[in-house]
Amino acid sequence: MYAIVSIAGQQFKVAKDQHIFVHRLQGDEGASIEFDTVLLAENEGSFKLGTDLKGAKVSATILSHLKGDKVIVFKKKRRKGYKKKNGHRQQFTKIQITGITL
């Protein structure tokens, strides 16, 4: 059984007991959260989508908050003496899917 759910503006294919990294979510470590924007669900070969999924939810537990790898942004204009170096680390939340209810 799996579902496609929208979390923080992105779509993820999730299954029970799966660990995924999503953009930073509000909540403390160990807190449980629910996502009610289920787009598609598959259960033993039968698919449900759209209006068939009214009341469907995906529940998860927040495991940790962490930062991703550093991305270096380097801008340069040739022959002008312009150079600009900047770095960025994205904030992520690691969650574990605890259940899918249809």
C-alpha atoms as a PDB file:
ATOM      1  CA  MET A   1       0.000   0.000   0.000  1.00  0.00           C
ATOM      2  CA  TYR A   2       1.298   3.442  -0.908  1.00  0.00           C
ATOM      3  CA  ALA A   3      -0.017   6.956  -1.374  1.00  0.00           C
ATOM      4  CA  ILE A   4       1.007  10.134  -3.140  1.00  0.00           C
ATOM      5  CA  VAL A   5       0.674  13.052  -0.745  1.00  0.00           C
ATOM      6  CA  SER A   6       1.415  16.769  -0.940  1.00  0.00           C
ATOM      7  CA  ILE A   7       3.730  17.917   1.865  1.00  0.00           C
ATOM      8  CA  ALA A   8       4.909  21.549   2.040  1.00  0.00           C
ATOM      9  CA  GLY A   9       4.134  22.133  -1.642  1.00  0.00           C
ATOM     10  CA  GLN A  10       5.903  19.014  -2.929  1.00  0.00           C
ATOM     11  CA  GLN A  11       4.490  15.617  -3.864  1.00  0.00           C
ATOM     12  CA  PHE A  12       5.922  12.449  -2.305  1.00  0.00           C
ATOM     13  CA  LYS A  13       5.210   8.761  -2.841  1.00  0.00           C
ATOM     14  CA  VAL A  14       5.029   7.328   0.677  1.00  0.00           C
ATOM     15  CA  ALA A  15       4.544   3.922   2.263  1.00  0.00           C
ATOM     16  CA  LYS A  16       4.256   2.806   5.874  1.00  0.00           C
ATOM     17  CA  ASP A  17       7.504   2.935   7.942  1.00  0.00           C
ATOM     18  CA  GLN A  18       9.302   4.961   5.257  1.00  0.00           C
ATOM     19  CA  HIS A  19      11.741   7.761   6.184  1.00  0.00           C
ATOM     20  CA  ILE A  20      11.692  10.897   4.002  1.00  0.00           C
ATOM     21  CA  PHE A  21      13.259  14.345   4.090  1.00  0.00           C
ATOM     22  CA  VAL A  22      10.871  17.279   3.541  1.00  0.00           C
ATOM     23  CA  HIS A  23      11.265  21.036   3.767  1.00  0.00           C
ATOM     24  CA  ARG A  24      11.337  22.317   7.344  1.00  0.00           C
ATOM     25  CA  LEU A  25       8.043  21.668   9.180  1.00  0.00           C
ATOM     26  CA  GLN A  26       6.757  23.257  12.366  1.00  0.00           C
ATOM     27  CA  GLY A  27       6.788  20.967  15.392  1.00  0.00           C
ATOM     28  CA  ASP A  28       9.100  19.411  17.924  1.00  0.00           C
ATOM     29  CA  GLU A  29      11.017  16.166  17.524  1.00  0.00           C
ATOM     30  CA  GLY A  30       8.808  13.226  18.406  1.00  0.00           C
ATOM     31  CA  ALA A  31       5.573  15.065  17.580  1.00  0.00           C
ATOM     32  CA  SER A  32       3.024  13.389  15.326  1.00  0.00           C
ATOM     33  CA  ILE A  33       1.546  15.208  12.342  1.00  0.00           C
ATOM     34  CA  GLU A  34      -1.113  14.414   9.740  1.00  0.00           C
ATOM     35  CA  PHE A  35      -1.306  15.311   6.063  1.00  0.00           C
ATOM     36  CA  ASP A  36      -4.782  15.372   4.541  1.00  0.00           C
ATOM     37  CA  THR A  37      -3.831  16.310   0.962  1.00  0.00           C
ATOM     38  CA  VAL A  38      -3.754  12.765  -0.419  1.00  0.00           C
ATOM     39  CA  LEU A  39      -3.710  12.774  -4.229  1.00  0.00           C
ATOM     40  CA  LEU A  40      -3.641   9.036  -5.005  1.00  0.00           C
ATOM     41  CA  ALA A  41      -3.761   5.812  -3.014  1.00  0.00           C
ATOM     42  CA  GLU A  42      -3.051   2.226  -4.046  1.00  0.00           C
ATOM     43  CA  ASN A  43      -4.242  -0.751  -2.025  1.00  0.00           C
ATOM     44  CA  GLU A  44      -3.729  -4.298  -3.335  1.00  0.00           C
ATOM     45  CA  GLY A  45      -3.910  -3.316  -6.994  1.00  0.00           C
ATOM     46  CA  SER A  46      -6.888  -0.948  -6.760  1.00  0.00           C
ATOM     47  CA  PHE A  47      -6.286   2.767  -7.189  1.00  0.00           C
ATOM     48  CA  LYS A  48      -8.288   5.605  -5.652  1.00  0.00           C
ATOM     49  CA  LEU A  49      -7.954   9.241  -6.584  1.00  0.00           C
ATOM     50  CA  GLY A  50      -9.858  12.499  -6.546  1.00  0.00           C
ATOM     51  CA  THR A  51     -13.242  12.409  -4.820  1.00  0.00           C
ATOM     52  CA  ASP A  52     -12.751   8.790  -3.677  1.00  0.00           C
ATOM     53  CA  LEU A  53     -10.171  10.053  -1.162  1.00  0.00           C
ATOM     54  CA  LYS A  54     -12.353  12.342   0.953  1.00  0.00           C
ATOM     55  CA  GLY A  55     -11.151  11.920   4.557  1.00  0.00           C
ATOM     56  CA  ALA A  56      -7.942  10.100   3.611  1.00  0.00           C
ATOM     57  CA  LYS A  57      -4.948  10.978   5.794  1.00  0.00           C
ATOM     58  CA  VAL A  58      -1.281  10.156   6.095  1.00  0.00           C
ATOM     59  CA  SER A  59       0.147  10.284   9.610  1.00  0.00           C
ATOM     60  CA  ALA A  60       3.825  10.764  10.379  1.00  0.00           C
ATOM     61  CA  THR A  61       6.251  11.368  13.231  1.00  0.00           C
ATOM     62  CA  ILE A  62       8.971  14.029  13.218  1.00  0.00           C
ATOM     63  CA  LEU A  63      12.332  12.352  13.811  1.00  0.00           C
ATOM     64  CA  SER A  64      14.744  15.296  13.550  1.00  0.00           C
ATOM     65  CA  HIS A  65      15.426  18.728  12.105  1.00  0.00           C
ATOM     66  CA  LEU A  66      18.662  19.092  10.136  1.00  0.00           C
ATOM     67  CA  LYS A  67      20.468  21.004   7.407  1.00  0.00           C
ATOM     68  CA  GLY A  68      21.296  19.774   3.933  1.00  0.00           C
ATOM     69  CA  ASP A  69      24.627  19.989   2.141  1.00  0.00           C
ATOM     70  CA  LYS A  70      26.085  23.404   1.391  1.00  0.00           C
ATOM     71  CA  VAL A  71      25.434  24.736  -2.105  1.00  0.00           C
ATOM     72  CA  ILE A  72      27.928  27.320  -3.367  1.00  0.00           C
ATOM     73  CA  VAL A  73      26.522  30.123  -5.547  1.00  0.00           C
ATOM     74  CA  PHE A  74      29.244  31.907  -7.527  1.00  0.00           C
ATOM     75  CA  LYS A  75      28.481  34.853  -9.798  1.00  0.00           C
ATOM     76  CA  LYS A  76      31.028  36.445 -12.123  1.00  0.00           C
ATOM     77  CA  LYS A  77      30.998  38.937 -14.950  1.00  0.00           C
ATOM     78  CA  ARG A  78      34.051  38.595 -17.125  1.00  0.00           C
ATOM     79  CA  ARG A  79      36.357  41.537 -17.692  1.00  0.00           C
ATOM     80  CA  LYS A  80      34.429  43.655 -15.165  1.00  0.00           C
ATOM     81  CA  GLY A  81      36.134  42.582 -11.945  1.00  0.00           C
ATOM     82  CA  TYR A  82      32.811  41.450 -10.469  1.00  0.00           C
ATOM     83  CA  LYS A  83      32.829  38.290  -8.367  1.00  0.00           C
ATOM     84  CA  LYS A  84      30.306  37.278  -5.733  1.00  0.00           C
ATOM     85  CA  LYS A  85      30.449  34.053  -3.694  1.00  0.00           C
ATOM     86  CA  ASN A  86      27.574  32.941  -1.514  1.00  0.00           C
ATOM     87  CA  GLY A  87      26.610  29.688   0.219  1.00  0.00           C
ATOM     88  CA  HIS A  88      23.276  28.193   1.242  1.00  0.00           C
ATOM     89  CA  ARG A  89      22.201  25.249   3.419  1.00  0.00           C
ATOM     90  CA  GLN A  90      18.561  24.172   3.146  1.00  0.00           C
ATOM     91  CA  GLN A  91      16.626  23.327   6.328  1.00  0.00           C
ATOM     92  CA  PHE A  92      15.054  19.840   6.278  1.00  0.00           C
ATOM     93  CA  THR A  93      12.874  17.732   8.542  1.00  0.00           C
ATOM     94  CA  LYS A  94      13.239  13.954   8.640  1.00  0.00           C
ATOM     95  CA  ILE A  95       9.883  12.231   9.136  1.00  0.00           C
ATOM     96  CA  GLN A  96       8.731   8.627   9.387  1.00  0.00           C
ATOM     97  CA  ILE A  97       5.372   7.629   7.921  1.00  0.00           C
ATOM     98  CA  THR A  98       3.404   5.798  10.605  1.00  0.00           C
ATOM     99  CA  GLY A  99       0.177   5.059   8.770  1.00  0.00           C
ATOM    100  CA  ILE A 100      -2.095   5.640   5.799  1.00  0.00           C
ATOM    101  CA  THR A 101      -5.842   5.723   6.424  1.00  0.00           C
ATOM    102  CA  LEU A 102      -8.309   5.773   3.550  1.00  0.00           C
END
